């Protein structure tokens, strides 16, 4: 599996969101480095789980679409009459 990495701009935005959330909701102030470390922790501990949920959703969607295609193909079949 490919390592889950966030680009610099995304990490910066997430760090700001984390800082704002902790300050507004929990009355806890943290700096940029602590927010970045929290992103690393959350990515490592939760990232793969959410990634796998996304893959499961994609597999389920693909299976539904494959069933739809099979139904459409079946509907195209022509009746075969036996004339002996």
PDB file of N, CA and C in Angstrom:
ATOM      1  N   UNK A   1       0.844  -1.178   0.000  1.00  0.00           N
ATOM      2  CA  UNK A   1       0.000   0.000   0.000  1.00  0.00           C
ATOM      3  C   UNK A   1       0.886   1.237   0.000  1.00  0.00           C
ATOM      4  N   UNK A   2       0.459   2.237  -0.714  1.00  0.00           N
ATOM      5  CA  UNK A   2       1.164   3.499  -0.769  1.00  0.00           C
ATOM      6  C   UNK A   2       0.987   4.246   0.549  1.00  0.00           C
ATOM      7  N   UNK A   3       2.063   4.881   0.992  1.00  0.00           N
ATOM      8  CA  UNK A   3       1.987   5.663   2.224  1.00  0.00           C
ATOM      9  C   UNK A   3       1.056   6.853   2.007  1.00  0.00           C
ATOM     10  N   UNK A   4       0.215   7.097   3.002  1.00  0.00           N
ATOM     11  CA  UNK A   4      -0.716   8.214   2.918  1.00  0.00           C
ATOM     12  C   UNK A   4       0.020   9.492   3.306  1.00  0.00           C
ATOM     13  N   UNK A   5       0.123  10.419   2.354  1.00  0.00           N
ATOM     14  CA  UNK A   5       0.822  11.677   2.613  1.00  0.00           C
ATOM     15  C   UNK A   5      -0.066  12.839   2.205  1.00  0.00           C
ATOM     16  N   UNK A   6       0.066  13.913   2.936  1.00  0.00           N
ATOM     17  CA  UNK A   6      -0.662  15.144   2.634  1.00  0.00           C
ATOM     18  C   UNK A   6       0.324  16.172   2.104  1.00  0.00           C
ATOM     19  N   UNK A   7      -0.107  16.938   1.103  1.00  0.00           N
ATOM     20  CA  UNK A   7       0.775  17.983   0.589  1.00  0.00           C
ATOM     21  C   UNK A   7       0.885  19.109   1.617  1.00  0.00           C
ATOM     22  N   UNK A   8       1.879  19.959   1.423  1.00  0.00           N
ATOM     23  CA  UNK A   8       2.193  21.012   2.401  1.00  0.00           C
ATOM     24  C   UNK A   8       1.015  21.957   2.637  1.00  0.00           C
ATOM     25  N   UNK A   9       0.335  22.377   1.568  1.00  0.00           N
ATOM     26  CA  UNK A   9      -0.795  23.301   1.719  1.00  0.00           C
ATOM     27  C   UNK A   9      -1.925  22.664   2.531  1.00  0.00           C
ATOM     28  N   UNK A  10      -2.191  21.404   2.262  1.00  0.00           N
ATOM     29  CA  UNK A  10      -3.244  20.697   3.008  1.00  0.00           C
ATOM     30  C   UNK A  10      -2.870  20.585   4.480  1.00  0.00           C
ATOM     31  N   UNK A  11      -1.615  20.226   4.751  1.00  0.00           N
ATOM     32  CA  UNK A  11      -1.166  20.119   6.148  1.00  0.00           C
ATOM     33  C   UNK A  11      -1.291  21.464   6.864  1.00  0.00           C
ATOM     34  N   UNK A  12      -0.928  22.548   6.173  1.00  0.00           N
ATOM     35  CA  UNK A  12      -1.007  23.879   6.769  1.00  0.00           C
ATOM     36  C   UNK A  12      -2.454  24.234   7.100  1.00  0.00           C
ATOM     37  N   UNK A  13      -3.372  23.971   6.150  1.00  0.00           N
ATOM     38  CA  UNK A  13      -4.792  24.253   6.403  1.00  0.00           C
ATOM     39  C   UNK A  13      -5.330  23.397   7.542  1.00  0.00           C
ATOM     40  N   UNK A  14      -4.975  22.120   7.555  1.00  0.00           N
ATOM     41  CA  UNK A  14      -5.441  21.239   8.632  1.00  0.00           C
ATOM     42  C   UNK A  14      -4.897  21.682   9.981  1.00  0.00           C
ATOM     43  N   UNK A  15      -3.631  22.074  10.021  1.00  0.00           N
ATOM     44  CA  UNK A  15      -3.035  22.538  11.270  1.00  0.00           C
ATOM     45  C   UNK A  15      -3.790  23.764  11.794  1.00  0.00           C
ATOM     46  N   UNK A  16      -4.127  24.670  10.904  1.00  0.00           N
ATOM     47  CA  UNK A  16      -4.895  25.860  11.313  1.00  0.00           C
ATOM     48  C   UNK A  16      -6.275  25.469  11.825  1.00  0.00           C
ATOM     49  N   UNK A  17      -6.922  24.531  11.151  1.00  0.00           N
ATOM     50  CA  UNK A  17      -8.246  24.078  11.585  1.00  0.00           C
ATOM     51  C   UNK A  17      -8.171  23.398  12.952  1.00  0.00           C
ATOM     52  N   UNK A  18      -7.151  22.606  13.159  1.00  0.00           N
ATOM     53  CA  UNK A  18      -6.973  21.934  14.453  1.00  0.00           C
ATOM     54  C   UNK A  18      -6.748  22.962  15.547  1.00  0.00           C
ATOM     55  N   UNK A  19      -5.872  23.923  15.280  1.00  0.00           N
ATOM     56  CA  UNK A  19      -5.599  24.959  16.272  1.00  0.00           C
ATOM     57  C   UNK A  19      -6.875  25.728  16.618  1.00  0.00           C
ATOM     58  N   UNK A  20      -7.629  26.093  15.589  1.00  0.00           N
ATOM     59  CA  UNK A  20      -8.871  26.840  15.813  1.00  0.00           C
ATOM     60  C   UNK A  20      -9.879  25.996  16.593  1.00  0.00           C
ATOM     61  N   UNK A  21     -10.029  24.728  16.227  1.00  0.00           N
ATOM     62  CA  UNK A  21     -10.971  23.852  16.924  1.00  0.00           C
ATOM     63  C   UNK A  21     -10.602  23.702  18.400  1.00  0.00           C
ATOM     64  N   UNK A  22      -9.335  23.400  18.664  1.00  0.00           N
ATOM     65  CA  UNK A  22      -8.907  23.213  20.054  1.00  0.00           C
ATOM     66  C   UNK A  22      -9.089  24.487  20.870  1.00  0.00           C
ATOM     67  N   UNK A  23      -8.814  25.613  20.252  1.00  0.00           N
ATOM     68  CA  UNK A  23      -8.954  26.885  20.955  1.00  0.00           C
ATOM     69  C   UNK A  23     -10.427  27.198  21.231  1.00  0.00           C
ATOM     70  N   UNK A  24     -11.278  27.068  20.207  1.00  0.00           N
ATOM     71  CA  UNK A  24     -12.682  27.461  20.344  1.00  0.00           C
ATOM     72  C   UNK A  24     -13.515  26.441  21.120  1.00  0.00           C
ATOM     73  N   UNK A  25     -13.260  25.173  20.906  1.00  0.00           N
ATOM     74  CA  UNK A  25     -14.103  24.138  21.502  1.00  0.00           C
ATOM     75  C   UNK A  25     -13.582  23.624  22.843  1.00  0.00           C
ATOM     76  N   UNK A  26     -12.255  23.595  23.004  1.00  0.00           N
ATOM     77  CA  UNK A  26     -11.681  23.008  24.211  1.00  0.00           C
ATOM     78  C   UNK A  26     -10.866  23.999  25.030  1.00  0.00           C
ATOM     79  N   UNK A  27     -10.787  25.220  24.536  1.00  0.00           N
ATOM     80  CA  UNK A  27     -10.022  26.263  25.215  1.00  0.00           C
ATOM     81  C   UNK A  27      -8.575  25.828  25.456  1.00  0.00           C
ATOM     82  N   UNK A  28      -7.998  25.204  24.412  1.00  0.00           N
ATOM     83  CA  UNK A  28      -6.605  24.740  24.458  1.00  0.00           C
ATOM     84  C   UNK A  28      -5.874  25.378  23.288  1.00  0.00           C
ATOM     85  N   UNK A  29      -4.771  26.033  23.595  1.00  0.00           N
ATOM     86  CA  UNK A  29      -3.974  26.647  22.545  1.00  0.00           C
ATOM     87  C   UNK A  29      -2.739  25.802  22.290  1.00  0.00           C
ATOM     88  N   UNK A  30      -2.492  25.505  20.999  1.00  0.00           N
ATOM     89  CA  UNK A  30      -1.283  24.780  20.615  1.00  0.00           C
ATOM     90  C   UNK A  30      -0.626  25.524  19.465  1.00  0.00           C
ATOM     91  N   UNK A  31       0.654  25.297  19.297  1.00  0.00           N
ATOM     92  CA  UNK A  31       1.396  25.939  18.218  1.00  0.00           C
ATOM     93  C   UNK A  31       1.353  25.120  16.940  1.00  0.00           C
ATOM     94  N   UNK A  32       1.997  25.646  15.913  1.00  0.00           N
ATOM     95  CA  UNK A  32       2.032  24.988  14.611  1.00  0.00           C
ATOM     96  C   UNK A  32       2.700  23.615  14.674  1.00  0.00           C
ATOM     97  N   UNK A  33       3.802  23.530  15.411  1.00  0.00           N
ATOM     98  CA  UNK A  33       4.522  22.254  15.489  1.00  0.00           C
ATOM     99  C   UNK A  33       3.683  21.193  16.192  1.00  0.00           C
ATOM    100  N   UNK A  34       2.983  21.570  17.258  1.00  0.00           N
ATOM    101  CA  UNK A  34       2.122  20.615  17.950  1.00  0.00           C
ATOM    102  C   UNK A  34       0.955  20.185  17.064  1.00  0.00           C
ATOM    103  N   UNK A  35       0.401  21.123  16.320  1.00  0.00           N
ATOM    104  CA  UNK A  35      -0.696  20.791  15.407  1.00  0.00           C
ATOM    105  C   UNK A  35      -0.199  19.845  14.325  1.00  0.00           C
ATOM    106  N   UNK A  36       1.008  20.078  13.837  1.00  0.00           N
ATOM    107  CA  UNK A  36       1.593  19.204  12.823  1.00  0.00           C
ATOM    108  C   UNK A  36       1.842  17.806  13.376  1.00  0.00           C
ATOM    109  N   UNK A  37       2.308  17.720  14.602  1.00  0.00           N
ATOM    110  CA  UNK A  37       2.504  16.419  15.250  1.00  0.00           C
ATOM    111  C   UNK A  37       1.175  15.695  15.444  1.00  0.00           C
ATOM    112  N   UNK A  38       0.128  16.451  15.765  1.00  0.00           N
ATOM    113  CA  UNK A  38      -1.198  15.862  15.917  1.00  0.00           C
ATOM    114  C   UNK A  38      -1.693  15.311  14.573  1.00  0.00           C
ATOM    115  N   UNK A  39      -1.418  16.033  13.499  1.00  0.00           N
ATOM    116  CA  UNK A  39      -1.774  15.531  12.166  1.00  0.00           C
ATOM    117  C   UNK A  39      -1.058  14.207  11.892  1.00  0.00           C
ATOM    118  N   UNK A  40       0.227  14.141  12.205  1.00  0.00           N
ATOM    119  CA  UNK A  40       0.980  12.895  12.022  1.00  0.00           C
ATOM    120  C   UNK A  40       0.362  11.756  12.822  1.00  0.00           C
ATOM    121  N   UNK A  41       0.037  12.031  14.080  1.00  0.00           N
ATOM    122  CA  UNK A  41      -0.557  11.002  14.935  1.00  0.00           C
ATOM    123  C   UNK A  41      -1.893  10.525  14.371  1.00  0.00           C
ATOM    124  N   UNK A  42      -2.761  11.474  14.015  1.00  0.00           N
ATOM    125  CA  UNK A  42      -4.080  11.108  13.497  1.00  0.00           C
ATOM    126  C   UNK A  42      -3.969  10.383  12.165  1.00  0.00           C
ATOM    127  N   UNK A  43      -3.048  10.819  11.317  1.00  0.00           N
ATOM    128  CA  UNK A  43      -2.852  10.155  10.030  1.00  0.00           C
ATOM    129  C   UNK A  43      -2.418   8.705  10.225  1.00  0.00           C
ATOM    130  N   UNK A  44      -1.504   8.506  11.157  1.00  0.00           N
ATOM    131  CA  UNK A  44      -0.997   7.167  11.412  1.00  0.00           C
ATOM    132  C   UNK A  44      -2.050   6.281  12.068  1.00  0.00           C
ATOM    133  N   UNK A  45      -2.748   6.822  13.047  1.00  0.00           N
ATOM    134  CA  UNK A  45      -3.685   5.992  13.805  1.00  0.00           C
ATOM    135  C   UNK A  45      -5.043   5.852  13.140  1.00  0.00           C
ATOM    136  N   UNK A  46      -5.484   6.847  12.379  1.00  0.00           N
ATOM    137  CA  UNK A  46      -6.818   6.809  11.786  1.00  0.00           C
ATOM    138  C   UNK A  46      -6.822   6.772  10.261  1.00  0.00           C
ATOM    139  N   UNK A  47      -5.781   7.282   9.652  1.00  0.00           N
ATOM    140  CA  UNK A  47      -5.761   7.440   8.201  1.00  0.00           C
ATOM    141  C   UNK A  47      -6.060   6.171   7.435  1.00  0.00           C
ATOM    142  N   UNK A  48      -5.381   5.079   7.762  1.00  0.00           N
ATOM    143  CA  UNK A  48      -5.579   3.822   7.045  1.00  0.00           C
ATOM    144  C   UNK A  48      -6.998   3.299   7.226  1.00  0.00           C
ATOM    145  N   UNK A  49      -7.566   3.504   8.403  1.00  0.00           N
ATOM    146  CA  UNK A  49      -8.944   3.043   8.632  1.00  0.00           C
ATOM    147  C   UNK A  49      -9.933   3.774   7.724  1.00  0.00           C
ATOM    148  N   UNK A  50      -9.798   5.095   7.626  1.00  0.00           N
ATOM    149  CA  UNK A  50     -10.681   5.875   6.758  1.00  0.00           C
ATOM    150  C   UNK A  50     -10.416   5.565   5.283  1.00  0.00           C
ATOM    151  N   UNK A  51      -9.169   5.368   4.935  1.00  0.00           N
ATOM    152  CA  UNK A  51      -8.807   4.997   3.570  1.00  0.00           C
ATOM    153  C   UNK A  51      -9.473   3.671   3.200  1.00  0.00           C
ATOM    154  N   UNK A  52      -9.393   2.703   4.100  1.00  0.00           N
ATOM    155  CA  UNK A  52     -10.005   1.397   3.849  1.00  0.00           C
ATOM    156  C   UNK A  52     -11.520   1.494   3.749  1.00  0.00           C
ATOM    157  N   UNK A  53     -12.136   2.354   4.548  1.00  0.00           N
ATOM    158  CA  UNK A  53     -13.582   2.563   4.426  1.00  0.00           C
ATOM    159  C   UNK A  53     -13.917   3.114   3.048  1.00  0.00           C
ATOM    160  N   UNK A  54     -13.107   4.021   2.560  1.00  0.00           N
ATOM    161  CA  UNK A  54     -13.308   4.562   1.216  1.00  0.00           C
ATOM    162  C   UNK A  54     -13.176   3.479   0.156  1.00  0.00           C
ATOM    163  N   UNK A  55     -12.185   2.604   0.316  1.00  0.00           N
ATOM    164  CA  UNK A  55     -12.034   1.491  -0.626  1.00  0.00           C
ATOM    165  C   UNK A  55     -13.241   0.561  -0.578  1.00  0.00           C
ATOM    166  N   UNK A  56     -13.742   0.288   0.627  1.00  0.00           N
ATOM    167  CA  UNK A  56     -14.930  -0.561   0.752  1.00  0.00           C
ATOM    168  C   UNK A  56     -16.127   0.072   0.057  1.00  0.00           C
ATOM    169  N   UNK A  57     -16.296   1.366   0.216  1.00  0.00           N
ATOM    170  CA  UNK A  57     -17.380   2.080  -0.474  1.00  0.00           C
ATOM    171  C   UNK A  57     -17.217   1.971  -1.984  1.00  0.00           C
ATOM    172  N   UNK A  58     -15.982   2.120  -2.462  1.00  0.00           N
ATOM    173  CA  UNK A  58     -15.724   2.032  -3.900  1.00  0.00           C
ATOM    174  C   UNK A  58     -16.014   0.625  -4.418  1.00  0.00           C
ATOM    175  N   UNK A  59     -15.619  -0.393  -3.653  1.00  0.00           N
ATOM    176  CA  UNK A  59     -15.897  -1.774  -4.061  1.00  0.00           C
ATOM    177  C   UNK A  59     -17.396  -2.041  -4.116  1.00  0.00           C
ATOM    178  N   UNK A  60     -18.135  -1.550  -3.145  1.00  0.00           N
ATOM    179  CA  UNK A  60     -19.583  -1.744  -3.129  1.00  0.00           C
ATOM    180  C   UNK A  60     -20.227  -1.047  -4.322  1.00  0.00           C
ATOM    181  N   UNK A  61     -19.776   0.163  -4.633  1.00  0.00           N
ATOM    182  CA  UNK A  61     -20.303   0.887  -5.788  1.00  0.00           C
ATOM    183  C   UNK A  61     -20.003   0.129  -7.072  1.00  0.00           C
ATOM    184  N   UNK A  62     -18.774  -0.343  -7.200  1.00  0.00           N
ATOM    185  CA  UNK A  62     -18.393  -1.091  -8.389  1.00  0.00           C
ATOM    186  C   UNK A  62     -19.244  -2.353  -8.531  1.00  0.00           C
ATOM    187  N   UNK A  63     -19.481  -3.056  -7.434  1.00  0.00           N
ATOM    188  CA  UNK A  63     -20.298  -4.276  -7.476  1.00  0.00           C
ATOM    189  C   UNK A  63     -21.728  -3.955  -7.910  1.00  0.00           C
ATOM    190  N   UNK A  64     -22.295  -2.867  -7.392  1.00  0.00           N
ATOM    191  CA  UNK A  64     -23.646  -2.465  -7.801  1.00  0.00           C
ATOM    192  C   UNK A  64     -23.700  -2.123  -9.282  1.00  0.00           C
ATOM    193  N   UNK A  65     -22.701  -1.396  -9.754  1.00  0.00           N
ATOM    194  CA  UNK A  65     -22.663  -1.020 -11.168  1.00  0.00           C
ATOM    195  C   UNK A  65     -22.471  -2.258 -12.046  1.00  0.00           C
ATOM    196  N   UNK A  66     -21.640  -3.208 -11.612  1.00  0.00           N
ATOM    197  CA  UNK A  66     -21.443  -4.445 -12.366  1.00  0.00           C
ATOM    198  C   UNK A  66     -22.750  -5.227 -12.440  1.00  0.00           C
ATOM    199  N   UNK A  67     -23.500  -5.263 -11.353  1.00  0.00           N
ATOM    200  CA  UNK A  67     -24.814  -5.918 -11.369  1.00  0.00           C
ATOM    201  C   UNK A  67     -25.754  -5.224 -12.340  1.00  0.00           C
ATOM    202  N   UNK A  68     -25.742  -3.899 -12.341  1.00  0.00           N
ATOM    203  CA  UNK A  68     -26.577  -3.148 -13.283  1.00  0.00           C
ATOM    204  C   UNK A  68     -26.218  -3.488 -14.725  1.00  0.00           C
ATOM    205  N   UNK A  69     -24.921  -3.566 -15.015  1.00  0.00           N
ATOM    206  CA  UNK A  69     -24.474  -3.901 -16.371  1.00  0.00           C
ATOM    207  C   UNK A  69     -24.925  -5.310 -16.738  1.00  0.00           C
ATOM    208  N   UNK A  70     -24.779  -6.259 -15.799  1.00  0.00           N
ATOM    209  CA  UNK A  70     -25.224  -7.625 -16.057  1.00  0.00           C
ATOM    210  C   UNK A  70     -26.716  -7.658 -16.356  1.00  0.00           C
ATOM    211  N   UNK A  71     -27.503  -6.901 -15.609  1.00  0.00           N
ATOM    212  CA  UNK A  71     -28.943  -6.838 -15.852  1.00  0.00           C
ATOM    213  C   UNK A  71     -29.241  -6.272 -17.238  1.00  0.00           C
ATOM    214  N   UNK A  72     -28.515  -5.228 -17.632  1.00  0.00           N
ATOM    215  CA  UNK A  72     -28.718  -4.626 -18.953  1.00  0.00           C
ATOM    216  C   UNK A  72     -28.354  -5.601 -20.070  1.00  0.00           C
ATOM    217  N   UNK A  73     -27.267  -6.328 -19.884  1.00  0.00           N
ATOM    218  CA  UNK A  73     -26.865  -7.317 -20.892  1.00  0.00           C
ATOM    219  C   UNK A  73     -27.903  -8.425 -20.993  1.00  0.00           C
ATOM    220  N   UNK A  74     -28.386  -8.894 -19.847  1.00  0.00           N
ATOM    221  CA  UNK A  74     -29.414  -9.930 -19.843  1.00  0.00           C
ATOM    222  C   UNK A  74     -30.664  -9.447 -20.572  1.00  0.00           C
ATOM    223  N   UNK A  75     -31.014  -8.183 -20.395  1.00  0.00           N
ATOM    224  CA  UNK A  75     -32.198  -7.624 -21.044  1.00  0.00           C
ATOM    225  C   UNK A  75     -32.033  -7.564 -22.563  1.00  0.00           C
ATOM    226  N   UNK A  76     -30.819  -7.566 -23.063  1.00  0.00           N
ATOM    227  CA  UNK A  76     -30.571  -7.523 -24.497  1.00  0.00           C
ATOM    228  C   UNK A  76     -30.721  -8.882 -25.183  1.00  0.00           C
ATOM    229  N   UNK A  77     -30.725  -9.937 -24.388  1.00  0.00           N
ATOM    230  CA  UNK A  77     -30.828 -11.269 -24.985  1.00  0.00           C
ATOM    231  C   UNK A  77     -32.121 -11.413 -25.777  1.00  0.00           C
ATOM    232  N   UNK A  78     -32.002 -12.116 -26.880  1.00  0.00           N
ATOM    233  CA  UNK A  78     -33.138 -12.370 -27.756  1.00  0.00           C
ATOM    234  C   UNK A  78     -33.690 -13.774 -27.457  1.00  0.00           C
ATOM    235  N   UNK A  79     -35.010 -13.931 -27.559  1.00  0.00           N
ATOM    236  CA  UNK A  79     -35.573 -15.255 -27.329  1.00  0.00           C
ATOM    237  C   UNK A  79     -35.135 -16.218 -28.448  1.00  0.00           C
ATOM    238  N   UNK A  80     -34.926 -17.437 -28.061  1.00  0.00           N
ATOM    239  CA  UNK A  80     -34.524 -18.467 -29.018  1.00  0.00           C
ATOM    240  C   UNK A  80     -35.665 -19.470 -29.115  1.00  0.00           C
ATOM    241  N   UNK A  81     -36.195 -19.609 -30.298  1.00  0.00           N
ATOM    242  CA  UNK A  81     -37.293 -20.559 -30.513  1.00  0.00           C
ATOM    243  C   UNK A  81     -36.731 -21.875 -31.047  1.00  0.00           C
ATOM    244  N   UNK A  82     -37.253 -22.955 -30.545  1.00  0.00           N
ATOM    245  CA  UNK A  82     -36.842 -24.271 -31.028  1.00  0.00           C
ATOM    246  C   UNK A  82     -37.807 -24.722 -32.108  1.00  0.00           C
ATOM    247  N   UNK A  83     -37.317 -24.783 -33.345  1.00  0.00           N
ATOM    248  CA  UNK A  83     -38.119 -25.297 -34.469  1.00  0.00           C
ATOM    249  C   UNK A  83     -37.474 -26.585 -34.936  1.00  0.00           C
ATOM    250  N   UNK A  84     -38.123 -27.612 -34.619  1.00  0.00           N
ATOM    251  CA  UNK A  84     -37.562 -28.903 -34.855  1.00  0.00           C
ATOM    252  C   UNK A  84     -37.682 -29.437 -36.162  1.00  0.00           C
TER     253      UNK A  84
END
